[in-house]
N, C-alpha and C. Protein backbone atom coordinates (compact mmCIF):
# COMPACT_ATOMS: atom_id res chain seq x y z
N MET A 1 -21.17 -64.02 60.04
CA MET A 1 -21.56 -63.00 59.07
C MET A 1 -20.57 -63.02 57.91
N ASP A 2 -21.08 -62.92 56.71
CA ASP A 2 -20.23 -62.93 55.52
C ASP A 2 -19.50 -61.59 55.39
N ASP A 3 -18.27 -61.68 54.85
CA ASP A 3 -17.56 -60.46 54.51
C ASP A 3 -18.12 -59.94 53.20
N HIS A 4 -18.21 -58.63 53.08
CA HIS A 4 -18.76 -58.03 51.87
C HIS A 4 -17.72 -57.15 51.20
N VAL A 5 -17.86 -57.02 49.91
CA VAL A 5 -17.11 -56.04 49.14
C VAL A 5 -18.14 -55.05 48.63
N TYR A 6 -17.87 -53.76 48.82
CA TYR A 6 -18.79 -52.72 48.42
C TYR A 6 -18.25 -51.92 47.25
N LYS A 7 -19.13 -51.47 46.40
CA LYS A 7 -18.80 -50.53 45.34
C LYS A 7 -19.46 -49.22 45.72
N LEU A 8 -18.80 -48.11 45.44
CA LEU A 8 -19.34 -46.78 45.73
C LEU A 8 -19.71 -46.07 44.44
N VAL A 9 -20.84 -45.39 44.47
CA VAL A 9 -21.21 -44.48 43.40
C VAL A 9 -21.60 -43.16 44.04
N GLU A 10 -21.48 -42.10 43.29
CA GLU A 10 -21.87 -40.79 43.79
C GLU A 10 -23.14 -40.36 43.08
N LEU A 11 -24.11 -39.88 43.84
CA LEU A 11 -25.40 -39.45 43.32
C LEU A 11 -25.67 -38.03 43.78
N VAL A 12 -26.48 -37.33 43.02
CA VAL A 12 -26.97 -36.01 43.44
C VAL A 12 -28.49 -36.03 43.32
N GLY A 13 -29.17 -35.84 44.45
CA GLY A 13 -30.62 -35.78 44.46
C GLY A 13 -31.07 -34.35 44.68
N THR A 14 -32.21 -34.00 44.09
CA THR A 14 -32.74 -32.65 44.28
C THR A 14 -34.20 -32.71 44.71
N SER A 15 -34.63 -31.63 45.35
CA SER A 15 -36.01 -31.53 45.79
C SER A 15 -36.35 -30.08 46.08
N GLU A 16 -37.58 -29.73 45.82
CA GLU A 16 -38.08 -28.41 46.20
C GLU A 16 -38.58 -28.41 47.64
N GLU A 17 -38.70 -29.61 48.25
CA GLU A 17 -39.31 -29.74 49.58
C GLU A 17 -38.31 -29.70 50.73
N SER A 18 -37.27 -30.58 50.68
CA SER A 18 -36.35 -30.68 51.81
C SER A 18 -35.10 -31.47 51.44
N VAL A 19 -34.11 -31.41 52.34
CA VAL A 19 -32.90 -32.21 52.18
C VAL A 19 -33.27 -33.70 52.23
N ALA A 20 -34.11 -34.08 53.18
CA ALA A 20 -34.52 -35.48 53.31
C ALA A 20 -35.20 -35.98 52.04
N ASP A 21 -36.02 -35.15 51.44
CA ASP A 21 -36.70 -35.55 50.20
C ASP A 21 -35.70 -35.69 49.06
N ALA A 22 -34.68 -34.84 49.02
CA ALA A 22 -33.64 -34.95 47.99
C ALA A 22 -32.88 -36.27 48.14
N ILE A 23 -32.60 -36.67 49.38
CA ILE A 23 -31.94 -37.96 49.63
C ILE A 23 -32.84 -39.10 49.17
N ASP A 24 -34.11 -39.06 49.58
CA ASP A 24 -35.06 -40.11 49.18
C ASP A 24 -35.17 -40.22 47.66
N THR A 25 -35.20 -39.08 46.98
CA THR A 25 -35.30 -39.06 45.52
C THR A 25 -34.11 -39.78 44.89
N ALA A 26 -32.91 -39.48 45.37
CA ALA A 26 -31.70 -40.10 44.82
C ALA A 26 -31.68 -41.61 45.07
N ILE A 27 -32.00 -42.02 46.29
CA ILE A 27 -31.96 -43.45 46.64
C ILE A 27 -33.03 -44.22 45.87
N LYS A 28 -34.24 -43.69 45.78
CA LYS A 28 -35.31 -44.39 45.06
C LYS A 28 -34.98 -44.54 43.59
N ARG A 29 -34.44 -43.49 42.99
CA ARG A 29 -34.11 -43.56 41.56
C ARG A 29 -32.98 -44.55 41.31
N ALA A 30 -31.94 -44.52 42.16
CA ALA A 30 -30.82 -45.45 42.00
C ALA A 30 -31.27 -46.89 42.22
N SER A 31 -32.19 -47.11 43.14
CA SER A 31 -32.67 -48.46 43.44
C SER A 31 -33.36 -49.12 42.25
N ALA A 32 -33.80 -48.31 41.30
CA ALA A 32 -34.45 -48.86 40.11
C ALA A 32 -33.46 -49.58 39.20
N THR A 33 -32.17 -49.24 39.30
CA THR A 33 -31.19 -49.85 38.41
C THR A 33 -29.98 -50.45 39.12
N VAL A 34 -29.81 -50.14 40.40
CA VAL A 34 -28.67 -50.66 41.16
C VAL A 34 -29.19 -51.60 42.24
N ARG A 35 -28.68 -52.84 42.25
CA ARG A 35 -29.09 -53.81 43.26
C ARG A 35 -28.23 -53.69 44.52
N ASN A 36 -28.76 -54.16 45.61
CA ASN A 36 -28.02 -54.35 46.86
C ASN A 36 -27.50 -53.07 47.49
N ILE A 37 -28.22 -51.95 47.35
CA ILE A 37 -27.80 -50.72 48.04
C ILE A 37 -27.92 -50.95 49.53
N ARG A 38 -26.85 -50.65 50.26
CA ARG A 38 -26.81 -50.92 51.71
C ARG A 38 -26.72 -49.67 52.57
N TRP A 39 -26.07 -48.63 52.09
CA TRP A 39 -25.88 -47.44 52.93
C TRP A 39 -25.62 -46.21 52.06
N PHE A 40 -25.70 -45.05 52.69
CA PHE A 40 -25.34 -43.81 52.01
C PHE A 40 -24.66 -42.88 53.00
N GLU A 41 -23.91 -41.94 52.45
CA GLU A 41 -23.23 -40.90 53.23
C GLU A 41 -23.51 -39.57 52.54
N VAL A 42 -23.98 -38.59 53.28
CA VAL A 42 -24.18 -37.26 52.72
C VAL A 42 -22.82 -36.58 52.65
N VAL A 43 -22.43 -36.18 51.44
CA VAL A 43 -21.13 -35.56 51.22
C VAL A 43 -21.25 -34.04 51.19
N GLN A 44 -22.35 -33.56 50.62
CA GLN A 44 -22.50 -32.11 50.46
C GLN A 44 -23.98 -31.76 50.36
N VAL A 45 -24.33 -30.63 50.95
CA VAL A 45 -25.68 -30.10 50.82
C VAL A 45 -25.56 -28.70 50.22
N ARG A 46 -26.29 -28.48 49.14
CA ARG A 46 -26.32 -27.17 48.48
C ARG A 46 -27.76 -26.83 48.19
N GLY A 47 -27.96 -25.62 47.74
CA GLY A 47 -29.31 -25.24 47.36
C GLY A 47 -29.32 -24.05 46.43
N GLU A 48 -30.47 -23.86 45.84
CA GLU A 48 -30.70 -22.73 44.95
C GLU A 48 -31.59 -21.72 45.68
N VAL A 49 -31.22 -20.46 45.59
CA VAL A 49 -32.01 -19.40 46.20
C VAL A 49 -32.77 -18.67 45.09
N VAL A 50 -34.08 -18.55 45.28
CA VAL A 50 -34.94 -17.87 44.31
C VAL A 50 -35.73 -16.80 45.05
N ASN A 51 -35.54 -15.57 44.64
CA ASN A 51 -36.25 -14.44 45.27
C ASN A 51 -36.10 -14.43 46.79
N GLY A 52 -34.88 -14.68 47.27
CA GLY A 52 -34.61 -14.62 48.69
C GLY A 52 -35.08 -15.81 49.51
N GLU A 53 -35.56 -16.88 48.84
CA GLU A 53 -36.01 -18.08 49.54
C GLU A 53 -35.38 -19.32 48.91
N VAL A 54 -35.38 -20.39 49.69
CA VAL A 54 -34.85 -21.65 49.16
C VAL A 54 -35.77 -22.14 48.05
N GLY A 55 -35.20 -22.31 46.87
CA GLY A 55 -35.98 -22.78 45.74
C GLY A 55 -35.85 -24.28 45.51
N ARG A 56 -34.65 -24.81 45.80
CA ARG A 56 -34.40 -26.24 45.57
C ARG A 56 -33.21 -26.65 46.42
N TYR A 57 -33.33 -27.83 47.02
CA TYR A 57 -32.24 -28.44 47.76
C TYR A 57 -31.51 -29.41 46.84
N GLN A 58 -30.19 -29.48 47.00
CA GLN A 58 -29.37 -30.41 46.22
C GLN A 58 -28.42 -31.12 47.17
N VAL A 59 -28.47 -32.45 47.19
CA VAL A 59 -27.67 -33.24 48.12
C VAL A 59 -26.80 -34.23 47.34
N THR A 60 -25.50 -34.19 47.60
CA THR A 60 -24.58 -35.14 46.99
C THR A 60 -24.36 -36.28 47.99
N LEU A 61 -24.52 -37.51 47.50
CA LEU A 61 -24.40 -38.71 48.34
C LEU A 61 -23.36 -39.66 47.79
N LYS A 62 -22.66 -40.35 48.67
CA LYS A 62 -21.93 -41.55 48.30
C LYS A 62 -22.83 -42.70 48.70
N VAL A 63 -23.04 -43.62 47.79
CA VAL A 63 -23.93 -44.75 48.03
C VAL A 63 -23.11 -46.03 47.89
N GLY A 64 -23.23 -46.91 48.87
CA GLY A 64 -22.51 -48.18 48.84
C GLY A 64 -23.46 -49.34 48.58
N PHE A 65 -23.04 -50.23 47.71
CA PHE A 65 -23.84 -51.42 47.47
C PHE A 65 -22.90 -52.62 47.40
N THR A 66 -23.43 -53.79 47.80
CA THR A 66 -22.62 -54.99 47.78
C THR A 66 -22.59 -55.57 46.37
N LEU A 67 -21.44 -56.12 46.05
CA LEU A 67 -21.29 -56.79 44.76
C LEU A 67 -21.90 -58.18 44.84
N ASP A 68 -22.46 -58.64 43.74
CA ASP A 68 -23.00 -60.00 43.69
C ASP A 68 -21.86 -60.99 43.89
N GLU A 69 -22.18 -62.09 44.52
CA GLU A 69 -21.19 -63.16 44.68
C GLU A 69 -20.89 -63.77 43.32
N PRO A 70 -19.61 -64.06 43.04
CA PRO A 70 -19.29 -64.69 41.75
C PRO A 70 -19.89 -66.09 41.68
N SER A 71 -20.36 -66.44 40.52
CA SER A 71 -20.90 -67.79 40.35
C SER A 71 -19.73 -68.76 40.17
N LEU A 72 -19.89 -69.93 40.68
CA LEU A 72 -18.85 -70.96 40.55
C LEU A 72 -19.06 -71.70 39.24
N ARG A 73 -18.05 -71.70 38.41
CA ARG A 73 -18.13 -72.41 37.13
C ARG A 73 -17.49 -73.77 37.23
N THR A 74 -18.08 -74.71 36.56
CA THR A 74 -17.44 -76.01 36.41
C THR A 74 -17.26 -76.25 34.92
N GLU A 75 -16.05 -76.56 34.53
CA GLU A 75 -15.79 -76.77 33.11
C GLU A 75 -15.41 -78.18 32.83
């Protein structure tokens, strides 16, 4: 198995439906511009309360992705 080097970014996903949906929203959106996402870690879960009920879930994630292998140059 190859050794990998990972880069971390922090994302915040939101959803009116659930914590899981907030995570999915963040990962799907990041996947549109970040290649090689491999894992995530939930760092914080928060929410907005509206009229005594949960109005929106907010989840902060650390997301790890592998860096592209450097290309070998010949000069």
